[in-house]
PDB file of N, CA and C in Angstrom:
ATOM      1  N   MET A   1    -144.824 -32.918  53.288  1.00  0.00           N
ATOM      2  CA  MET A   1    -143.516 -32.825  53.100  1.00  0.00           C
ATOM      3  C   MET A   1    -143.598 -34.394  52.202  1.00  0.00           C
ATOM      4  N   SER A   2    -142.544 -34.512  51.310  1.00  0.00           N
ATOM      5  CA  SER A   2    -142.499 -36.120  50.239  1.00  0.00           C
ATOM      6  C   SER A   2    -142.007 -36.803  50.572  1.00  0.00           C
ATOM      7  N   ASN A   3    -142.558 -38.552  50.019  1.00  0.00           N
ATOM      8  CA  ASN A   3    -141.696 -39.206  50.797  1.00  0.00           C
ATOM      9  C   ASN A   3    -141.000 -39.648  49.562  1.00  0.00           C
ATOM     10  N   GLY A   4    -140.346 -38.929  48.771  1.00  0.00           N
ATOM     11  CA  GLY A   4    -139.452 -38.947  47.119  1.00  0.00           C
ATOM     12  C   GLY A   4    -139.854 -40.176  46.648  1.00  0.00           C
ATOM     13  N   SER A   5    -140.969 -40.333  45.757  1.00  0.00           N
ATOM     14  CA  SER A   5    -141.660 -41.024  45.670  1.00  0.00           C
ATOM     15  C   SER A   5    -141.711 -40.325  43.928  1.00  0.00           C
ATOM     16  N   GLU A   6    -142.296 -39.247  43.869  1.00  0.00           N
ATOM     17  CA  GLU A   6    -141.978 -38.470  42.731  1.00  0.00           C
ATOM     18  C   GLU A   6    -140.616 -38.075  42.115  1.00  0.00           C
ATOM     19  N   LEU A   7    -139.844 -39.135  43.225  1.00  0.00           N
ATOM     20  CA  LEU A   7    -138.336 -38.946  42.033  1.00  0.00           C
ATOM     21  C   LEU A   7    -137.588 -40.231  41.683  1.00  0.00           C
ATOM     22  N   LYS A   8    -138.924 -41.118  41.887  1.00  0.00           N
ATOM     23  CA  LYS A   8    -138.786 -41.963  41.111  1.00  0.00           C
ATOM     24  C   LYS A   8    -139.698 -42.919  40.220  1.00  0.00           C
ATOM     25  N   SER A   9    -140.284 -41.607  39.718  1.00  0.00           N
ATOM     26  CA  SER A   9    -141.564 -41.877  37.725  1.00  0.00           C
ATOM     27  C   SER A   9    -140.819 -41.951  37.179  1.00  0.00           C
ATOM     28  N   PRO A  10    -141.561 -42.830  36.454  1.00  0.00           N
ATOM     29  CA  PRO A  10    -141.199 -42.701  34.752  1.00  0.00           C
ATOM     30  C   PRO A  10    -140.550 -41.622  34.487  1.00  0.00           C
ATOM     31  N   ALA A  11    -141.920 -40.389  34.912  1.00  0.00           N
ATOM     32  CA  ALA A  11    -141.365 -39.156  34.108  1.00  0.00           C
ATOM     33  C   ALA A  11    -139.993 -38.002  34.999  1.00  0.00           C
ATOM     34  N   ALA A  12    -139.784 -38.507  36.296  1.00  0.00           N
ATOM     35  CA  ALA A  12    -138.136 -38.311  36.807  1.00  0.00           C
ATOM     36  C   ALA A  12    -137.257 -38.878  35.455  1.00  0.00           C
ATOM     37  N   LYS A  13    -137.561 -39.790  35.601  1.00  0.00           N
ATOM     38  CA  LYS A  13    -136.120 -41.109  34.852  1.00  0.00           C
ATOM     39  C   LYS A  13    -136.085 -40.549  33.630  1.00  0.00           C
ATOM     40  N   ALA A  14    -137.055 -40.293  33.248  1.00  0.00           N
ATOM     41  CA  ALA A  14    -136.729 -39.613  31.561  1.00  0.00           C
ATOM     42  C   ALA A  14    -136.544 -38.037  31.692  1.00  0.00           C
ATOM     43  N   LEU A  15    -136.389 -37.298  32.815  1.00  0.00           N
ATOM     44  CA  LEU A  15    -136.068 -35.703  32.564  1.00  0.00           C
ATOM     45  C   LEU A  15    -135.086 -36.017  33.367  1.00  0.00           C
ATOM     46  N   ARG A  16    -134.756 -36.934  33.901  1.00  0.00           N
ATOM     47  CA  ARG A  16    -132.944 -37.542  34.543  1.00  0.00           C
ATOM     48  C   ARG A  16    -132.212 -37.605  32.951  1.00  0.00           C
ATOM     49  N   GLU A  17    -132.826 -38.336  32.665  1.00  0.00           N
ATOM     50  CA  GLU A  17    -132.498 -38.949  31.151  1.00  0.00           C
ATOM     51  C   GLU A  17    -131.716 -37.639  29.990  1.00  0.00           C
ATOM     52  N   ALA A  18    -132.987 -36.990  30.215  1.00  0.00           N
ATOM     53  CA  ALA A  18    -132.679 -35.382  29.249  1.00  0.00           C
ATOM     54  C   ALA A  18    -131.784 -34.445  30.013  1.00  0.00           C
ATOM     55  N   GLY A  19    -131.577 -34.848  30.620  1.00  0.00           N
ATOM     56  CA  GLY A  19    -129.902 -34.420  31.860  1.00  0.00           C
ATOM     57  C   GLY A  19    -130.757 -32.971  32.847  1.00  0.00           C
ATOM     58  N   PHE A  20    -131.887 -33.064  33.526  1.00  0.00           N
ATOM     59  CA  PHE A  20    -132.773 -32.799  34.429  1.00  0.00           C
ATOM     60  C   PHE A  20    -132.034 -33.306  35.613  1.00  0.00           C
ATOM     61  N   VAL A  21    -132.063 -32.204  37.023  1.00  0.00           N
ATOM     62  CA  VAL A  21    -132.124 -32.492  38.297  1.00  0.00           C
ATOM     63  C   VAL A  21    -133.167 -32.296  39.063  1.00  0.00           C
ATOM     64  N   PRO A  22    -133.316 -32.709  39.945  1.00  0.00           N
ATOM     65  CA  PRO A  22    -134.288 -31.795  40.715  1.00  0.00           C
ATOM     66  C   PRO A  22    -134.405 -30.789  41.542  1.00  0.00           C
ATOM     67  N   LEU A  23    -134.203 -30.517  41.876  1.00  0.00           N
ATOM     68  CA  LEU A  23    -133.532 -28.956  42.960  1.00  0.00           C
ATOM     69  C   LEU A  23    -134.043 -29.893  44.386  1.00  0.00           C
ATOM     70  N   PRO A  24    -132.676 -29.378  45.565  1.00  0.00           N
ATOM     71  CA  PRO A  24    -133.292 -30.662  46.549  1.00  0.00           C
ATOM     72  C   PRO A  24    -133.338 -28.827  47.421  1.00  0.00           C
ATOM     73  N   ARG A  25    -134.283 -29.515  49.000  1.00  0.00           N
ATOM     74  CA  ARG A  25    -134.198 -28.613  49.828  1.00  0.00           C
ATOM     75  C   ARG A  25    -133.180 -27.449  49.246  1.00  0.00           C
ATOM     76  N   LEU A  26    -133.786 -26.112  49.890  1.00  0.00           N
ATOM     77  CA  LEU A  26    -133.187 -25.050  50.286  1.00  0.00           C
ATOM     78  C   LEU A  26    -133.766 -24.231  50.805  1.00  0.00           C
ATOM     79  N   TRP A  27    -132.930 -23.434  50.838  1.00  0.00           N
ATOM     80  CA  TRP A  27    -133.517 -21.896  52.453  1.00  0.00           C
ATOM     81  C   TRP A  27    -132.745 -20.419  51.395  1.00  0.00           C
ATOM     82  N   VAL A  28    -133.668 -20.082  50.986  1.00  0.00           N
ATOM     83  CA  VAL A  28    -133.676 -18.933  49.935  1.00  0.00           C
ATOM     84  C   VAL A  28    -134.168 -17.703  50.082  1.00  0.00           C
ATOM     85  N   THR A  29    -133.737 -16.810  49.882  1.00  0.00           N
ATOM     86  CA  THR A  29    -134.772 -15.681  49.971  1.00  0.00           C
ATOM     87  C   THR A  29    -136.026 -15.379  49.001  1.00  0.00           C
ATOM     88  N   PRO A  30    -137.333 -14.606  49.558  1.00  0.00           N
ATOM     89  CA  PRO A  30    -137.929 -14.119  48.509  1.00  0.00           C
ATOM     90  C   PRO A  30    -137.366 -13.971  46.866  1.00  0.00           C
ATOM     91  N   ASP A  31    -136.009 -13.170  47.216  1.00  0.00           N
ATOM     92  CA  ASP A  31    -136.043 -12.355  45.774  1.00  0.00           C
ATOM     93  C   ASP A  31    -135.085 -13.779  45.411  1.00  0.00           C
ATOM     94  N   GLN A  32    -133.996 -14.779  45.609  1.00  0.00           N
ATOM     95  CA  GLN A  32    -133.695 -15.386  45.273  1.00  0.00           C
ATOM     96  C   GLN A  32    -135.012 -16.340  44.767  1.00  0.00           C
ATOM     97  N   LEU A  33    -135.580 -16.849  45.510  1.00  0.00           N
ATOM     98  CA  LEU A  33    -136.563 -17.805  45.118  1.00  0.00           C
ATOM     99  C   LEU A  33    -137.456 -17.166  43.838  1.00  0.00           C
ATOM    100  N   GLU A  34    -137.582 -15.847  43.680  1.00  0.00           N
ATOM    101  CA  GLU A  34    -138.400 -15.341  41.935  1.00  0.00           C
ATOM    102  C   GLU A  34    -137.420 -15.627  40.640  1.00  0.00           C
ATOM    103  N   VAL A  35    -135.680 -15.740  41.318  1.00  0.00           N
ATOM    104  CA  VAL A  35    -134.783 -15.987  40.634  1.00  0.00           C
ATOM    105  C   VAL A  35    -134.980 -17.041  39.964  1.00  0.00           C
ATOM    106  N   ILE A  36    -134.679 -18.336  40.759  1.00  0.00           N
ATOM    107  CA  ILE A  36    -135.056 -19.529  40.646  1.00  0.00           C
ATOM    108  C   ILE A  36    -136.303 -20.004  39.607  1.00  0.00           C
ATOM    109  N   LYS A  37    -137.782 -19.511  39.959  1.00  0.00           N
ATOM    110  CA  LYS A  37    -139.045 -19.720  39.599  1.00  0.00           C
ATOM    111  C   LYS A  37    -138.689 -18.884  37.911  1.00  0.00           C
ATOM    112  N   ARG A  38    -137.767 -18.033  37.817  1.00  0.00           N
ATOM    113  CA  ARG A  38    -137.630 -17.934  36.209  1.00  0.00           C
ATOM    114  C   ARG A  38    -137.127 -18.814  35.394  1.00  0.00           C
ATOM    115  N   ILE A  39    -136.127 -19.162  35.828  1.00  0.00           N
ATOM    116  CA  ILE A  39    -135.624 -20.271  35.435  1.00  0.00           C
ATOM    117  C   ILE A  39    -135.971 -21.696  35.689  1.00  0.00           C
ATOM    118  N   ALA A  40    -137.012 -21.911  36.088  1.00  0.00           N
ATOM    119  CA  ALA A  40    -137.370 -23.120  36.206  1.00  0.00           C
ATOM    120  C   ALA A  40    -138.659 -23.566  34.990  1.00  0.00           C
ATOM    121  N   GLU A  41    -139.476 -21.661  35.075  1.00  0.00           N
ATOM    122  CA  GLU A  41    -140.150 -21.614  34.147  1.00  0.00           C
ATOM    123  C   GLU A  41    -139.818 -21.661  32.844  1.00  0.00           C
ATOM    124  N   GLY A  42    -138.472 -21.365  32.593  1.00  0.00           N
ATOM    125  CA  GLY A  42    -138.173 -21.240  30.333  1.00  0.00           C
ATOM    126  C   GLY A  42    -137.817 -22.647  30.961  1.00  0.00           C
ATOM    127  N   ASN A  43    -137.568 -23.826  31.368  1.00  0.00           N
ATOM    128  CA  ASN A  43    -137.743 -25.258  31.174  1.00  0.00           C
ATOM    129  C   ASN A  43    -139.029 -25.825  31.043  1.00  0.00           C
ATOM    130  N   SER A  44    -140.521 -24.979  31.146  1.00  0.00           N
ATOM    131  CA  SER A  44    -142.036 -25.385  31.156  1.00  0.00           C
ATOM    132  C   SER A  44    -142.154 -26.639  30.228  1.00  0.00           C
ATOM    133  N   ASP A  45    -141.922 -25.889  28.595  1.00  0.00           N
ATOM    134  CA  ASP A  45    -142.644 -26.437  28.211  1.00  0.00           C
ATOM    135  C   ASP A  45    -141.616 -27.993  27.367  1.00  0.00           C
ATOM    136  N   VAL A  46    -140.183 -27.488  28.248  1.00  0.00           N
ATOM    137  CA  VAL A  46    -139.483 -28.970  27.839  1.00  0.00           C
ATOM    138  C   VAL A  46    -139.914 -30.103  28.631  1.00  0.00           C
ATOM    139  N   VAL A  47    -140.027 -29.718  30.270  1.00  0.00           N
ATOM    140  CA  VAL A  47    -140.097 -30.975  30.678  1.00  0.00           C
ATOM    141  C   VAL A  47    -141.360 -31.124  30.876  1.00  0.00           C
ATOM    142  N   ASN A  48    -142.762 -30.070  30.612  1.00  0.00           N
ATOM    143  CA  ASN A  48    -144.157 -30.406  30.408  1.00  0.00           C
ATOM    144  C   ASN A  48    -143.901 -31.568  29.378  1.00  0.00           C
ATOM    145  N   GLU A  49    -143.165 -31.286  28.013  1.00  0.00           N
ATOM    146  CA  GLU A  49    -143.473 -32.494  27.256  1.00  0.00           C
ATOM    147  C   GLU A  49    -142.159 -34.087  27.576  1.00  0.00           C
ATOM    148  N   ILE A  50    -141.613 -33.636  28.271  1.00  0.00           N
ATOM    149  CA  ILE A  50    -140.935 -34.687  28.628  1.00  0.00           C
ATOM    150  C   ILE A  50    -141.664 -36.053  29.369  1.00  0.00           C
ATOM    151  N   ARG A  51    -142.581 -34.760  30.320  1.00  0.00           N
ATOM    152  CA  ARG A  51    -143.509 -35.433  31.634  1.00  0.00           C
ATOM    153  C   ARG A  51    -144.671 -36.192  30.183  1.00  0.00           C
ATOM    154  N   ARG A  52    -145.302 -35.891  29.992  1.00  0.00           N
ATOM    155  CA  ARG A  52    -146.253 -35.864  29.045  1.00  0.00           C
ATOM    156  C   ARG A  52    -146.207 -37.668  28.279  1.00  0.00           C
ATOM    157  N   LYS A  53    -144.800 -36.983  27.765  1.00  0.00           N
ATOM    158  CA  LYS A  53    -144.545 -38.355  26.849  1.00  0.00           C
ATOM    159  C   LYS A  53    -144.107 -39.678  28.174  1.00  0.00           C
ATOM    160  N   ALA A  54    -143.423 -39.337  28.931  1.00  0.00           N
ATOM    161  CA  ALA A  54    -143.129 -40.721  29.943  1.00  0.00           C
ATOM    162  C   ALA A  54    -144.777 -41.180  30.684  1.00  0.00           C
ATOM    163  N   ASN A  55    -145.904 -39.957  30.559  1.00  0.00           N
ATOM    164  CA  ASN A  55    -146.855 -40.444  31.720  1.00  0.00           C
ATOM    165  C   ASN A  55    -147.537 -41.411  30.654  1.00  0.00           C
ATOM    166  N   HIS A  56    -147.302 -41.114  29.422  1.00  0.00           N
ATOM    167  CA  HIS A  56    -148.453 -41.348  28.537  1.00  0.00           C
ATOM    168  C   HIS A  56    -147.923 -42.803  28.379  1.00  0.00           C
ATOM    169  N   GLN A  57    -146.539 -43.413  28.186  1.00  0.00           N
ATOM    170  CA  GLN A  57    -146.455 -44.938  28.476  1.00  0.00           C
ATOM    171  C   GLN A  57    -146.288 -45.392  29.801  1.00  0.00           C
ATOM    172  N   HIS A  58    -146.942 -44.920  30.562  1.00  0.00           N
ATOM    173  CA  HIS A  58    -147.179 -45.116  32.000  1.00  0.00           C
ATOM    174  C   HIS A  58    -148.364 -44.146  32.752  1.00  0.00           C
ATOM    175  N   PRO A  59    -150.164 -44.752  32.738  1.00  0.00           N
ATOM    176  CA  PRO A  59    -151.243 -43.910  32.782  1.00  0.00           C
ATOM    177  C   PRO A  59    -151.114 -43.805  34.156  1.00  0.00           C
ATOM    178  N   ASN A  60    -150.976 -44.901  34.654  1.00  0.00           N
ATOM    179  CA  ASN A  60    -150.832 -44.425  36.606  1.00  0.00           C
ATOM    180  C   ASN A  60    -150.426 -43.627  37.425  1.00  0.00           C
ATOM    181  N   SER A  61    -149.236 -42.925  36.719  1.00  0.00           N
ATOM    182  CA  SER A  61    -148.069 -41.541  36.529  1.00  0.00           C
ATOM    183  C   SER A  61    -148.796 -40.585  36.551  1.00  0.00           C
ATOM    184  N   ARG A  62    -148.779 -39.710  37.814  1.00  0.00           N
ATOM    185  CA  ARG A  62    -149.581 -38.436  38.037  1.00  0.00           C
ATOM    186  C   ARG A  62    -148.352 -36.907  37.344  1.00  0.00           C
ATOM    187  N   PRO A  63    -148.376 -36.110  36.537  1.00  0.00           N
ATOM    188  CA  PRO A  63    -147.312 -35.067  36.594  1.00  0.00           C
ATOM    189  C   PRO A  63    -147.545 -34.350  37.945  1.00  0.00           C
ATOM    190  N   ASN A  64    -145.465 -33.452  37.950  1.00  0.00           N
ATOM    191  CA  ASN A  64    -145.519 -32.692  39.124  1.00  0.00           C
ATOM    192  C   ASN A  64    -144.721 -31.775  39.167  1.00  0.00           C
ATOM    193  N   SER A  65    -145.445 -30.525  38.564  1.00  0.00           N
ATOM    194  CA  SER A  65    -145.022 -29.572  37.808  1.00  0.00           C
ATOM    195  C   SER A  65    -143.698 -28.833  39.202  1.00  0.00           C
ATOM    196  N   LEU A  66    -142.876 -28.677  39.226  1.00  0.00           N
ATOM    197  CA  LEU A  66    -142.286 -28.026  39.725  1.00  0.00           C
ATOM    198  C   LEU A  66    -141.851 -26.511  39.495  1.00  0.00           C
ATOM    199  N   CYS A  67    -142.478 -25.839  38.989  1.00  0.00           N
ATOM    200  CA  CYS A  67    -142.832 -24.352  39.073  1.00  0.00           C
ATOM    201  C   CYS A  67    -144.317 -24.608  39.826  1.00  0.00           C
ATOM    202  N   ASP A  68    -145.464 -25.321  39.602  1.00  0.00           N
ATOM    203  CA  ASP A  68    -146.456 -25.042  40.081  1.00  0.00           C
ATOM    204  C   ASP A  68    -145.978 -25.207  41.491  1.00  0.00           C
ATOM    205  N   LYS A  69    -145.718 -25.757  41.994  1.00  0.00           N
ATOM    206  CA  LYS A  69    -144.538 -26.241  43.284  1.00  0.00           C
ATOM    207  C   LYS A  69    -144.279 -24.477  44.035  1.00  0.00           C
ATOM    208  N   ILE A  70    -142.983 -24.283  43.233  1.00  0.00           N
ATOM    209  CA  ILE A  70    -142.282 -23.217  43.801  1.00  0.00           C
ATOM    210  C   ILE A  70    -143.006 -22.052  43.733  1.00  0.00           C
ATOM    211  N   ASP A  71    -144.181 -22.066  42.449  1.00  0.00           N
ATOM    212  CA  ASP A  71    -145.642 -21.050  42.543  1.00  0.00           C
ATOM    213  C   ASP A  71    -146.051 -20.657  44.133  1.00  0.00           C
ATOM    214  N   ASP A  72    -146.454 -21.695  44.535  1.00  0.00           N
ATOM    215  CA  ASP A  72    -147.236 -22.455  45.308  1.00  0.00           C
ATOM    216  C   ASP A  72    -146.578 -21.670  46.785  1.00  0.00           C
ATOM    217  N   ALA A  73    -145.358 -22.191  46.857  1.00  0.00           N
ATOM    218  CA  ALA A  73    -144.330 -22.164  48.197  1.00  0.00           C
ATOM    219  C   ALA A  73    -144.640 -21.025  48.317  1.00  0.00           C
ATOM    220  N   SER A  74    -144.097 -20.238  46.665  1.00  0.00           N
ATOM    221  CA  SER A  74    -143.690 -18.317  46.749  1.00  0.00           C
ATOM    222  C   SER A  74    -145.073 -17.287  47.767  1.00  0.00           C
ATOM    223  N   ARG A  75    -146.077 -18.100  47.635  1.00  0.00           N
ATOM    224  CA  ARG A  75    -147.518 -17.662  47.586  1.00  0.00           C
ATOM    225  C   ARG A  75    -147.850 -17.698  49.032  1.00  0.00           C
ATOM    226  N   SER A  76    -147.135 -18.649  49.826  1.00  0.00           N
ATOM    227  CA  SER A  76    -147.874 -19.068  51.232  1.00  0.00           C
ATOM    228  C   SER A  76    -146.918 -19.359  52.390  1.00  0.00           C
ATOM    229  N   ASP A  77    -146.639 -18.681  53.667  1.00  0.00           N
ATOM    230  CA  ASP A  77    -145.902 -18.341  54.324  1.00  0.00           C
ATOM    231  C   ASP A  77    -145.287 -19.305  55.210  1.00  0.00           C
ATOM    232  N   LYS A  78    -144.655 -20.965  53.871  1.00  0.00           N
ATOM    233  CA  LYS A  78    -143.741 -21.873  54.504  1.00  0.00           C
ATOM    234  C   LYS A  78    -142.911 -21.464  54.070  1.00  0.00           C
ATOM    235  N   PRO A  79    -141.542 -21.607  54.978  1.00  0.00           N
ATOM    236  CA  PRO A  79    -140.846 -21.136  54.336  1.00  0.00           C
ATOM    237  C   PRO A  79    -139.276 -22.540  53.614  1.00  0.00           C
ATOM    238  N   SER A  80    -140.269 -23.304  52.991  1.00  0.00           N
ATOM    239  CA  SER A  80    -139.553 -24.492  51.388  1.00  0.00           C
ATOM    240  C   SER A  80    -140.329 -24.844  50.813  1.00  0.00           C
ATOM    241  N   ILE A  81    -139.755 -25.465  49.434  1.00  0.00           N
ATOM    242  CA  ILE A  81    -140.663 -26.334  49.031  1.00  0.00           C
ATOM    243  C   ILE A  81    -140.945 -28.054  49.634  1.00  0.00           C
ATOM    244  N   ASP A  82    -142.383 -28.411  49.498  1.00  0.00           N
ATOM    245  CA  ASP A  82    -142.225 -29.462  49.936  1.00  0.00           C
ATOM    246  C   ASP A  82    -142.758 -30.484  48.695  1.00  0.00           C
TER     247      ASP A  82
END
């Protein structure tokens, strides 16, 4: 489970400034998760570029891919994305 620190990172701030919002913990069916993944993956190039620029300015930050988290969660038996 997350302690929320990644939501305060320089990359998270840059993403918010670009109009993105974090996906809260939700309960969805596997079919709904697939739709969410497709939507999020459509943003991956832009999100990764924003993170790269923000993390370049703040080298102590680690990138954290939402698509990777969603993908990992869909492969496990866990019911939520942490």
